[in-house]
């Protein structure tokens, strides 16, 4: 059972996020046009283009520094609420492994701690929890499922797969919610019937973290 995730895995996740957002930016923008500013996909695309322009420079850093650099780029370049939230996610993600060497991977325990740290900062910065039609409706159920599966002894890819499924269910739950945070809040009942764009993008982001994991 492979319970260490290599440095190469963490680089590949970033490499795969770059074309992903280019492919999906119009979809996320369409979702945001229905209930928000209509810029979610466009803003993320701008941010990850900045990441792409510097990624080769950052690959020599350890996992924590690599992800911190990604987070800073998103924070600097991405407008709207996505910049601070996505930026904070990546900046905090590596904190539990900041003392690792530049070529070291991380253990399953460390990976769970990294997800915990990254998702906690989104909850804190967004001042939101589940049931408010935000990305937390994806991220918090996903984290709970990841922790539970890991504690039950699942290998990390199986546990992350369960996290992805829980996140997708959380995303779908936003369709019937009245928003109580962000621009969608002003729509009241008119936001019902629409998925939250941040919940949608983070659900797909988590799936990339899952798909890039080596099989156990």
Protein backbone atom coordinates (compact mmCIF):
# COMPACT_ATOMS: atom_id res chain seq x y z
CA UNK A 1 0.00 0.00 0.00
CA UNK A 2 1.52 3.30 -1.12
CA UNK A 3 1.08 5.71 1.77
CA UNK A 4 3.54 8.38 0.77
CA UNK A 5 2.68 10.96 -1.83
CA UNK A 6 5.75 12.06 -3.74
CA UNK A 7 6.89 15.59 -4.46
CA UNK A 8 6.18 14.80 -8.12
CA UNK A 9 2.54 14.18 -7.28
CA UNK A 10 2.15 17.67 -5.84
CA UNK A 11 3.81 19.22 -8.89
CA UNK A 12 1.53 17.24 -11.20
CA UNK A 13 -1.58 18.49 -9.40
CA UNK A 14 -0.57 22.08 -10.18
CA UNK A 15 0.38 21.18 -13.74
CA UNK A 16 -3.07 19.63 -14.24
CA UNK A 17 -4.97 22.51 -12.62
CA UNK A 18 -3.61 24.92 -15.24
CA UNK A 19 -5.31 23.35 -18.31
CA UNK A 20 -8.33 22.34 -16.23
CA UNK A 21 -9.34 25.92 -15.50
CA UNK A 22 -8.82 26.92 -19.14
CA UNK A 23 -11.14 24.10 -20.19
CA UNK A 24 -13.78 24.89 -17.57
CA UNK A 25 -13.61 28.67 -17.21
CA UNK A 26 -16.69 29.31 -19.34
CA UNK A 27 -18.75 26.80 -17.36
CA UNK A 28 -17.82 28.39 -14.03
CA UNK A 29 -18.41 31.85 -15.45
CA UNK A 30 -21.85 30.78 -16.67
CA UNK A 31 -22.70 29.48 -13.20
CA UNK A 32 -21.51 32.76 -11.69
CA UNK A 33 -23.45 34.82 -14.22
CA UNK A 34 -26.67 33.32 -12.89
CA UNK A 35 -26.12 34.34 -9.25
CA UNK A 36 -22.96 36.44 -8.98
CA UNK A 37 -20.65 38.74 -10.91
CA UNK A 38 -20.08 36.39 -13.83
CA UNK A 39 -16.31 36.38 -13.42
CA UNK A 40 -15.44 33.27 -11.39
CA UNK A 41 -14.02 31.20 -14.24
CA UNK A 42 -12.31 34.15 -15.91
CA UNK A 43 -10.65 35.22 -12.66
CA UNK A 44 -9.36 31.72 -11.91
CA UNK A 45 -8.02 31.46 -15.45
CA UNK A 46 -6.05 34.69 -15.01
CA UNK A 47 -4.61 33.40 -11.75
CA UNK A 48 -3.54 30.02 -13.06
CA UNK A 49 -1.96 31.61 -16.14
CA UNK A 50 0.24 33.50 -13.71
CA UNK A 51 1.04 30.23 -11.95
CA UNK A 52 1.93 28.62 -15.29
CA UNK A 53 4.38 31.41 -16.09
CA UNK A 54 6.38 30.74 -12.90
CA UNK A 55 5.89 27.02 -12.24
CA UNK A 56 9.26 25.93 -13.63
CA UNK A 57 10.97 28.37 -11.24
CA UNK A 58 9.08 26.97 -8.27
CA UNK A 59 9.49 23.24 -8.90
CA UNK A 60 12.78 23.14 -7.01
CA UNK A 61 11.11 24.30 -3.79
CA UNK A 62 9.67 21.96 -1.20
CA UNK A 63 5.95 21.18 -1.31
CA UNK A 64 5.05 23.90 1.19
CA UNK A 65 6.97 26.64 -0.64
CA UNK A 66 5.64 25.51 -4.04
CA UNK A 67 2.04 25.73 -2.88
CA UNK A 68 2.67 28.98 -1.04
CA UNK A 69 3.94 30.50 -4.27
CA UNK A 70 0.85 29.24 -6.10
CA UNK A 71 -1.33 30.78 -3.41
CA UNK A 72 0.46 34.13 -3.57
CA UNK A 73 0.05 34.24 -7.35
CA UNK A 74 -3.67 33.59 -7.05
CA UNK A 75 -4.00 36.14 -4.29
CA UNK A 76 -2.21 38.78 -6.36
CA UNK A 77 -3.92 38.13 -9.69
CA UNK A 78 -7.41 36.81 -9.01
CA UNK A 79 -10.22 39.26 -8.40
CA UNK A 80 -13.50 38.80 -6.58
CA UNK A 81 -13.85 36.44 -3.65
CA UNK A 82 -12.02 33.62 -5.46
CA UNK A 83 -8.60 35.26 -5.10
CA UNK A 84 -8.49 35.47 -1.31
CA UNK A 85 -10.16 32.09 -0.86
CA UNK A 86 -8.23 30.04 -3.42
CA UNK A 87 -5.05 31.92 -2.57
CA UNK A 88 -5.44 31.18 1.12
CA UNK A 89 -6.16 27.51 0.41
CA UNK A 90 -2.87 27.01 -1.41
CA UNK A 91 -0.84 29.20 0.93
CA UNK A 92 -1.95 27.26 4.00
CA UNK A 93 -2.00 23.81 2.37
CA UNK A 94 1.72 23.20 2.83
CA UNK A 95 2.06 24.57 6.36
CA UNK A 96 2.01 21.14 8.07
CA UNK A 97 5.01 20.03 5.93
CA UNK A 98 6.96 23.29 5.75
CA UNK A 99 10.09 21.67 7.23
CA UNK A 100 10.36 19.02 4.50
CA UNK A 101 13.28 18.95 2.12
CA UNK A 102 12.87 20.02 -1.52
CA UNK A 103 12.56 16.45 -2.80
CA UNK A 104 10.52 14.95 0.03
CA UNK A 105 6.96 13.71 -0.29
CA UNK A 106 4.37 13.54 2.46
CA UNK A 107 2.66 10.78 4.40
CA UNK A 108 -1.07 10.07 4.37
CA UNK A 109 -1.36 11.56 7.86
CA UNK A 110 0.36 14.72 6.66
CA UNK A 111 -1.84 14.98 3.58
CA UNK A 112 -5.00 14.87 5.71
CA UNK A 113 -3.51 17.56 7.96
CA UNK A 114 -2.72 19.67 4.89
CA UNK A 115 -6.29 19.47 3.61
CA UNK A 116 -7.56 20.27 7.09
CA UNK A 117 -5.38 23.39 7.30
CA UNK A 118 -6.30 24.60 3.82
CA UNK A 119 -10.05 24.12 4.20
CA UNK A 120 -10.08 25.64 7.68
CA UNK A 121 -8.69 28.92 6.37
CA UNK A 122 -11.43 29.14 3.73
CA UNK A 123 -14.05 28.67 6.42
CA UNK A 124 -12.38 31.34 8.54
CA UNK A 125 -11.83 33.89 5.76
CA UNK A 126 -15.25 33.40 4.26
CA UNK A 127 -16.90 33.49 7.69
CA UNK A 128 -19.18 30.73 6.48
CA UNK A 129 -20.15 27.13 7.11
CA UNK A 130 -22.25 24.56 5.29
CA UNK A 131 -25.78 25.41 4.20
CA UNK A 132 -24.94 28.93 3.00
CA UNK A 133 -24.41 28.22 -0.72
CA UNK A 134 -20.64 28.64 -0.79
CA UNK A 135 -17.58 26.54 -1.58
CA UNK A 136 -17.72 25.31 2.01
CA UNK A 137 -20.70 23.19 1.01
CA UNK A 138 -18.23 21.19 -1.07
CA UNK A 139 -15.11 21.45 1.04
CA UNK A 140 -16.35 20.73 4.55
CA UNK A 141 -18.23 17.47 3.74
CA UNK A 142 -15.22 16.41 1.66
CA UNK A 143 -12.86 17.02 4.58
CA UNK A 144 -15.13 15.16 6.99
CA UNK A 145 -15.24 12.17 4.65
CA UNK A 146 -11.46 12.24 4.13
CA UNK A 147 -10.81 12.27 7.86
CA UNK A 148 -13.32 9.52 8.58
CA UNK A 149 -12.04 7.21 5.85
CA UNK A 150 -8.42 7.78 6.83
CA UNK A 151 -9.20 7.13 10.50
CA UNK A 152 -10.98 3.92 9.49
CA UNK A 153 -7.81 2.67 7.81
CA UNK A 154 -8.50 3.36 4.14
CA UNK A 155 -5.48 4.04 1.96
CA UNK A 156 -5.15 7.68 1.02
CA UNK A 157 -6.48 7.35 -2.54
CA UNK A 158 -9.57 5.47 -1.37
CA UNK A 159 -10.09 8.06 1.36
CA UNK A 160 -9.70 10.91 -1.12
CA UNK A 161 -12.15 9.22 -3.46
CA UNK A 162 -14.73 9.25 -0.68
CA UNK A 163 -13.92 12.90 -0.06
CA UNK A 164 -14.57 13.71 -3.72
CA UNK A 165 -17.94 11.95 -3.65
CA UNK A 166 -18.95 13.77 -0.47
CA UNK A 167 -17.87 17.05 -2.04
CA UNK A 168 -19.97 16.38 -5.14
CA UNK A 169 -22.99 15.66 -2.97
CA UNK A 170 -22.34 18.90 -1.12
CA UNK A 171 -22.08 20.77 -4.41
CA UNK A 172 -25.41 19.37 -5.59
CA UNK A 173 -27.01 20.42 -2.31
CA UNK A 174 -26.28 24.07 -3.15
CA UNK A 175 -28.78 23.92 -6.01
CA UNK A 176 -31.74 24.17 -3.64
CA UNK A 177 -30.20 26.61 -1.18
CA UNK A 178 -30.96 30.25 -0.61
CA UNK A 179 -27.61 32.02 -0.42
CA UNK A 180 -26.73 33.77 2.83
CA UNK A 181 -23.23 34.88 1.80
CA UNK A 182 -21.72 36.76 -1.12
CA UNK A 183 -23.34 38.43 -4.11
CA UNK A 184 -25.90 35.64 -4.48
CA UNK A 185 -27.41 36.66 -1.13
CA UNK A 186 -29.12 39.64 -2.75
CA UNK A 187 -31.15 37.31 -5.00
CA UNK A 188 -32.94 35.58 -2.15
CA UNK A 189 -35.20 32.82 -3.46
CA UNK A 190 -34.12 33.55 -7.03
CA UNK A 191 -30.79 31.86 -6.32
CA UNK A 192 -32.60 28.56 -5.78
CA UNK A 193 -32.13 26.22 -8.72
CA UNK A 194 -28.54 27.30 -9.39
CA UNK A 195 -25.32 25.63 -8.29
CA UNK A 196 -22.81 27.74 -6.41
CA UNK A 197 -19.83 28.42 -8.73
CA UNK A 198 -17.24 28.24 -5.95
CA UNK A 199 -18.62 24.93 -4.76
CA UNK A 200 -18.48 23.69 -8.36
CA UNK A 201 -14.88 24.72 -8.99
CA UNK A 202 -13.59 23.35 -5.69
CA UNK A 203 -15.37 20.02 -6.29
CA UNK A 204 -13.50 19.66 -9.57
CA UNK A 205 -10.23 20.79 -7.98
CA UNK A 206 -10.52 18.05 -5.35
CA UNK A 207 -11.12 15.52 -8.11
CA UNK A 208 -7.77 16.43 -9.66
CA UNK A 209 -6.05 15.89 -6.30
CA UNK A 210 -7.72 12.45 -6.28
CA UNK A 211 -7.11 11.40 -9.89
CA UNK A 212 -3.41 12.29 -9.74
CA UNK A 213 -2.81 10.03 -6.73
CA UNK A 214 -1.04 6.77 -7.52
CA UNK A 215 -3.08 3.62 -7.06
CA UNK A 216 -2.48 1.91 -3.73
